[in-house]
Amino acid sequence: MRLMSLCLALALWPIAGLAEADRAFSLAIPEALEDSGFAAYVLPRYALKTGTRITRLPGDAEADAVLGPSGPPVILRGDASWGFDSNGDPDAEAFHDWLTSEIGRETIAAFVPAEGAGFTPPDRDVVTDEVITFTGDAALGAKVSERACGRCHALSAADRMRSIGSTPSFPALRALPNWSERFEGFFALNPHPSFTQVEDVTAPFDPMRPPPIVPVRLTLDEIDHILAYVAEMSAADLGAPVEAR
């Protein structure tokens, strides 16, 4: 019975891989969003979570979806606003749903441009929040975390003597309001880019700047497992925020 199940899984695997690869759409992006670095910050984070390939095109190009003046605003910057038109493309519509969800709103607000004012999502009363769920395997996430993250981060109180003292523990990170965003996009947060590779997401290391330590290599599925593992973790008690007097 176990052999038959294995054979069936192997037979279906290429089909599942093909379906995953089919997640793609083109997006026309205005110059103001492109030049600010906003698109380069937000789109890889969505691609990391969903395995969707987004082709960025100039704002006046023919595309499956458009970030522009039409439709209810999804992105604000001062007096400027941009709406989203998916033109009915299902993969683009899924991106719109993410962009207007709680985690999408947090991602928009987290971007800090090199120059000028920051970006914000619209007021909450015009956006329907999404309940965040994690589909990974928490048990596998514990093993992946031990292999990929345990050399620097304490995964529990028992690991605190085996980690780098200046590196926050997983329970401490779990206590932060935007913990899931931090874990989803960790590969883009220093110092991770210098030694981390996420399959089909990050660019290869620059040959002139090799990683300073043994590289951490992960897949999108493994990151989903880590998220599921951390979601079930008890958050550390960081105490009340310090109030300025």
Protein backbone atom coordinates (compact mmCIF):
# COMPACT_ATOMS: atom_id res chain seq x y z
CA MET A 1 0.00 0.00 0.00
CA ARG A 2 2.82 2.37 0.89
CA LEU A 3 4.59 1.59 -2.41
CA MET A 4 1.39 2.30 -4.36
CA SER A 5 1.00 5.65 -2.58
CA LEU A 6 4.59 6.55 -3.38
CA CYS A 7 4.12 5.67 -7.05
CA LEU A 8 0.96 7.77 -7.21
CA ALA A 9 2.72 10.73 -5.61
CA LEU A 10 5.60 10.47 -8.08
CA ALA A 11 3.16 10.26 -10.97
CA LEU A 12 1.32 13.40 -9.87
CA TRP A 13 4.39 15.42 -8.92
CA PRO A 14 5.20 16.79 -12.41
CA ILE A 15 1.57 17.90 -12.80
CA ALA A 16 1.66 19.78 -9.48
CA GLY A 17 4.97 21.36 -10.46
CA LEU A 18 3.50 22.48 -13.77
CA ALA A 19 0.49 24.04 -12.04
CA GLU A 20 2.82 25.93 -9.72
CA ALA A 21 4.84 27.21 -12.68
CA ASP A 22 1.65 28.44 -14.37
CA ARG A 23 1.14 31.11 -11.70
CA ALA A 24 2.22 34.22 -13.56
CA PHE A 25 0.98 37.56 -14.83
CA SER A 26 2.37 40.82 -16.19
CA LEU A 27 1.91 44.08 -14.29
CA ALA A 28 2.14 47.62 -15.71
CA ILE A 29 3.74 49.83 -13.06
CA PRO A 30 3.86 53.65 -13.14
CA GLU A 31 7.27 55.29 -13.16
CA ALA A 32 6.73 56.79 -9.71
CA LEU A 33 6.26 53.35 -8.13
CA GLU A 34 9.15 51.81 -10.06
CA ASP A 35 11.69 54.58 -9.45
CA SER A 36 10.92 54.70 -5.72
CA GLY A 37 11.88 51.04 -5.31
CA PHE A 38 8.35 50.17 -4.18
CA ALA A 39 7.80 47.48 -6.83
CA ALA A 40 11.19 45.89 -6.18
CA TYR A 41 10.34 45.69 -2.48
CA VAL A 42 6.74 44.45 -2.57
CA LEU A 43 6.57 42.07 -5.54
CA PRO A 44 9.31 39.60 -4.44
CA ARG A 45 7.56 39.20 -1.09
CA TYR A 46 4.36 38.12 -2.81
CA ALA A 47 6.33 35.85 -5.16
CA LEU A 48 8.05 34.27 -2.15
CA LYS A 49 4.74 33.38 -0.52
CA THR A 50 2.85 32.14 -3.57
CA GLY A 51 5.42 31.09 -6.16
CA THR A 52 3.88 33.53 -8.67
CA ARG A 53 6.09 35.05 -11.40
CA ILE A 54 5.28 38.71 -11.99
CA THR A 55 6.67 40.40 -15.10
CA ARG A 56 7.10 44.13 -14.48
CA LEU A 57 6.29 46.40 -17.45
CA PRO A 58 6.24 50.19 -17.95
CA GLY A 59 3.04 51.92 -16.88
CA ASP A 60 1.82 52.49 -20.45
CA ALA A 61 2.45 48.91 -21.64
CA GLU A 62 -0.15 46.25 -22.44
CA ALA A 63 -0.33 43.99 -19.38
CA ASP A 64 -2.54 41.50 -17.56
CA ALA A 65 -2.96 44.00 -14.73
CA VAL A 66 -2.28 47.69 -14.11
CA LEU A 67 -1.37 49.77 -11.08
CA GLY A 68 -2.75 53.17 -12.05
CA PRO A 69 -5.40 55.84 -11.56
CA SER A 70 -8.40 53.55 -12.16
CA GLY A 71 -10.33 51.71 -9.47
CA PRO A 72 -10.44 52.02 -5.67
CA PRO A 73 -7.01 53.01 -4.30
CA VAL A 74 -4.80 50.26 -2.91
CA ILE A 75 -1.63 52.37 -2.42
CA LEU A 76 -1.30 55.94 -1.14
CA ARG A 77 1.60 58.37 -0.99
CA GLY A 78 0.69 61.83 0.16
CA ASP A 79 -1.92 63.16 -2.26
CA ALA A 80 -1.13 60.49 -4.88
CA SER A 81 -3.00 57.19 -5.07
CA TRP A 82 -2.93 54.09 -7.25
CA GLY A 83 -5.69 51.61 -7.94
CA PHE A 84 -5.45 48.06 -9.29
CA ASP A 85 -7.13 46.71 -12.43
CA SER A 86 -6.70 42.96 -12.92
CA ASN A 87 -8.50 42.83 -16.28
CA GLY A 88 -10.04 39.57 -15.04
CA ASP A 89 -6.75 37.65 -14.83
CA PRO A 90 -7.11 35.18 -11.91
CA ASP A 91 -3.44 35.29 -10.89
CA ALA A 92 -3.48 39.08 -10.93
CA GLU A 93 -6.71 39.07 -8.92
CA ALA A 94 -5.04 36.86 -6.31
CA PHE A 95 -2.28 39.46 -6.02
CA HIS A 96 -4.90 42.18 -5.51
CA ASP A 97 -6.49 40.11 -2.72
CA TRP A 98 -3.09 39.80 -1.02
CA LEU A 99 -2.29 43.49 -1.52
CA THR A 100 -5.49 44.50 0.30
CA SER A 101 -5.15 41.86 3.04
CA GLU A 102 -3.65 42.55 6.46
CA ILE A 103 -0.22 41.23 5.50
CA GLY A 104 -0.28 43.11 2.20
CA ARG A 105 -1.13 46.34 4.00
CA GLU A 106 1.72 45.76 6.45
CA THR A 107 4.11 45.14 3.56
CA ILE A 108 3.09 48.43 1.89
CA ALA A 109 3.57 50.37 5.12
CA ALA A 110 6.92 48.69 5.89
CA PHE A 111 8.62 49.96 2.73
CA VAL A 112 10.92 52.93 3.38
CA PRO A 113 11.93 54.73 0.15
CA ALA A 114 15.40 56.23 -0.15
CA GLU A 115 13.84 59.62 -0.80
CA GLY A 116 10.48 61.25 -0.19
CA ALA A 117 7.44 60.26 1.82
CA GLY A 118 6.55 56.65 2.58
CA PHE A 119 3.66 54.63 1.19
CA THR A 120 0.51 53.68 3.09
CA PRO A 121 -2.54 51.48 2.46
CA PRO A 122 -6.02 53.07 2.38
CA ASP A 123 -8.03 53.41 5.58
CA ARG A 124 -9.16 50.09 7.01
CA ASP A 125 -12.84 50.82 6.45
CA VAL A 126 -12.37 50.50 2.68
CA VAL A 127 -10.41 47.25 2.85
CA THR A 128 -11.58 43.79 3.87
CA ASP A 129 -8.98 42.19 6.12
CA GLU A 130 -7.98 38.60 5.50
CA VAL A 131 -7.48 35.99 8.19
CA ILE A 132 -3.90 34.76 7.82
CA THR A 133 -3.54 30.99 7.71
CA PHE A 134 -0.41 28.89 7.35
CA THR A 135 -0.52 25.75 5.24
CA GLY A 136 2.92 24.37 5.95
CA ASP A 137 3.83 21.41 8.16
CA ALA A 138 4.88 22.65 11.61
CA ALA A 139 6.83 19.48 12.40
CA LEU A 140 8.85 19.84 9.20
CA GLY A 141 9.21 23.54 9.99
CA ALA A 142 10.91 22.69 13.28
CA LYS A 143 13.45 20.51 11.46
CA VAL A 144 14.09 23.09 8.73
CA SER A 145 14.49 25.84 11.34
CA GLU A 146 17.02 23.77 13.27
CA ARG A 147 19.03 23.15 10.10
CA ALA A 148 18.85 26.59 8.51
CA CYS A 149 18.35 29.01 11.41
CA GLY A 150 19.54 27.27 14.58
CA ARG A 151 23.18 28.24 14.20
CA CYS A 152 22.27 31.91 14.86
CA HIS A 153 18.77 32.02 16.38
CA ALA A 154 17.56 30.32 19.55
CA LEU A 155 14.44 28.36 18.62
CA SER A 156 13.43 27.90 22.27
CA ALA A 157 14.67 28.69 25.76
CA ALA A 158 16.69 25.45 25.71
CA ASP A 159 18.70 26.72 22.72
CA ARG A 160 19.73 30.08 24.14
CA MET A 161 23.30 28.98 24.94
CA ARG A 162 23.84 27.66 21.39
CA SER A 163 22.80 30.83 19.55
CA ILE A 164 24.38 34.21 18.86
CA GLY A 165 23.55 36.44 21.81
CA SER A 166 22.77 39.53 19.70
CA THR A 167 20.39 37.59 17.43
CA PRO A 168 16.70 37.61 18.46
CA SER A 169 15.19 34.26 19.33
CA PHE A 170 12.22 32.83 17.44
CA PRO A 171 9.90 33.31 20.47
CA ALA A 172 10.98 36.97 20.68
CA LEU A 173 10.30 37.48 16.96
CA ARG A 174 6.95 35.69 17.36
CA ALA A 175 5.92 38.34 19.89
CA LEU A 176 6.19 41.14 17.29
CA PRO A 177 2.94 42.29 15.60
CA ASN A 178 4.43 41.82 12.12
CA TRP A 179 6.25 38.56 12.85
CA SER A 180 4.81 36.73 9.82
CA GLU A 181 5.97 39.46 7.44
CA ARG A 182 9.46 39.32 8.94
CA PHE A 183 9.66 35.57 8.45
CA GLU A 184 8.21 35.68 4.92
CA GLY A 185 10.68 38.31 3.78
CA PHE A 186 13.63 37.48 6.03
CA PHE A 187 15.88 36.78 3.04
CA ALA A 188 15.77 40.52 2.15
CA LEU A 189 16.57 41.72 5.68
CA ASN A 190 20.22 42.19 6.66
CA PRO A 191 22.36 40.26 7.18
CA HIS A 192 20.50 37.43 5.37
CA PRO A 193 21.03 38.55 1.72
CA SER A 194 24.78 37.96 2.01
CA PHE A 195 24.42 34.24 2.72
CA THR A 196 20.84 33.16 1.92
CA GLN A 197 19.43 31.70 -1.30
CA VAL A 198 15.70 31.01 -1.81
CA GLU A 199 15.08 28.76 -4.79
CA ASP A 200 13.41 30.57 -7.74
CA VAL A 201 13.29 33.86 -5.78
CA THR A 202 16.73 35.29 -4.98
CA ALA A 203 19.45 36.04 -7.52
CA PRO A 204 22.66 33.98 -7.45
CA PHE A 205 25.50 35.23 -5.28
CA ASP A 206 27.85 37.73 -6.90
CA PRO A 207 31.06 35.77 -7.74
CA MET A 208 33.06 38.78 -6.59
CA ARG A 209 31.31 38.77 -3.20
CA PRO A 210 31.01 35.16 -1.99
CA PRO A 211 28.97 34.44 1.15
CA PRO A 212 30.97 34.91 4.37
CA ILE A 213 29.59 31.68 5.88
CA VAL A 214 28.20 28.39 4.60
CA PRO A 215 25.12 29.49 2.60
CA VAL A 216 21.59 28.90 3.81
CA ARG A 217 19.54 27.41 0.96
CA LEU A 218 15.76 27.12 1.23
CA THR A 219 12.71 26.49 -0.93
CA LEU A 220 9.36 28.27 -0.81
CA ASP A 221 7.78 25.15 0.68
CA GLU A 222 10.37 25.07 3.46
CA ILE A 223 9.63 28.70 4.32
CA ASP A 224 5.93 27.81 4.51
CA HIS A 225 6.85 25.02 6.95
CA ILE A 226 8.84 27.48 9.08
CA LEU A 227 5.89 29.89 9.18
CA ALA A 228 3.58 27.08 10.33
CA TYR A 229 6.10 26.11 13.02
CA VAL A 230 6.48 29.67 14.35
CA ALA A 231 2.69 30.25 14.22
CA GLU A 232 2.22 27.48 16.79
CA MET A 233 5.05 28.77 18.99
CA SER A 234 4.41 30.56 22.29
CA ALA A 235 5.52 34.17 22.02
CA ALA A 236 8.11 35.48 24.45
CA ASP A 237 6.94 37.99 27.05
CA LEU A 238 8.79 41.16 26.02
CA GLY A 239 7.13 43.28 28.70
CA ALA A 240 5.25 46.53 28.25
CA PRO A 241 6.59 49.09 25.75
CA VAL A 242 8.92 51.69 27.24
CA GLU A 243 7.14 55.04 27.51
CA ALA A 244 9.05 58.27 26.98
CA ARG A 245 8.73 60.79 29.80
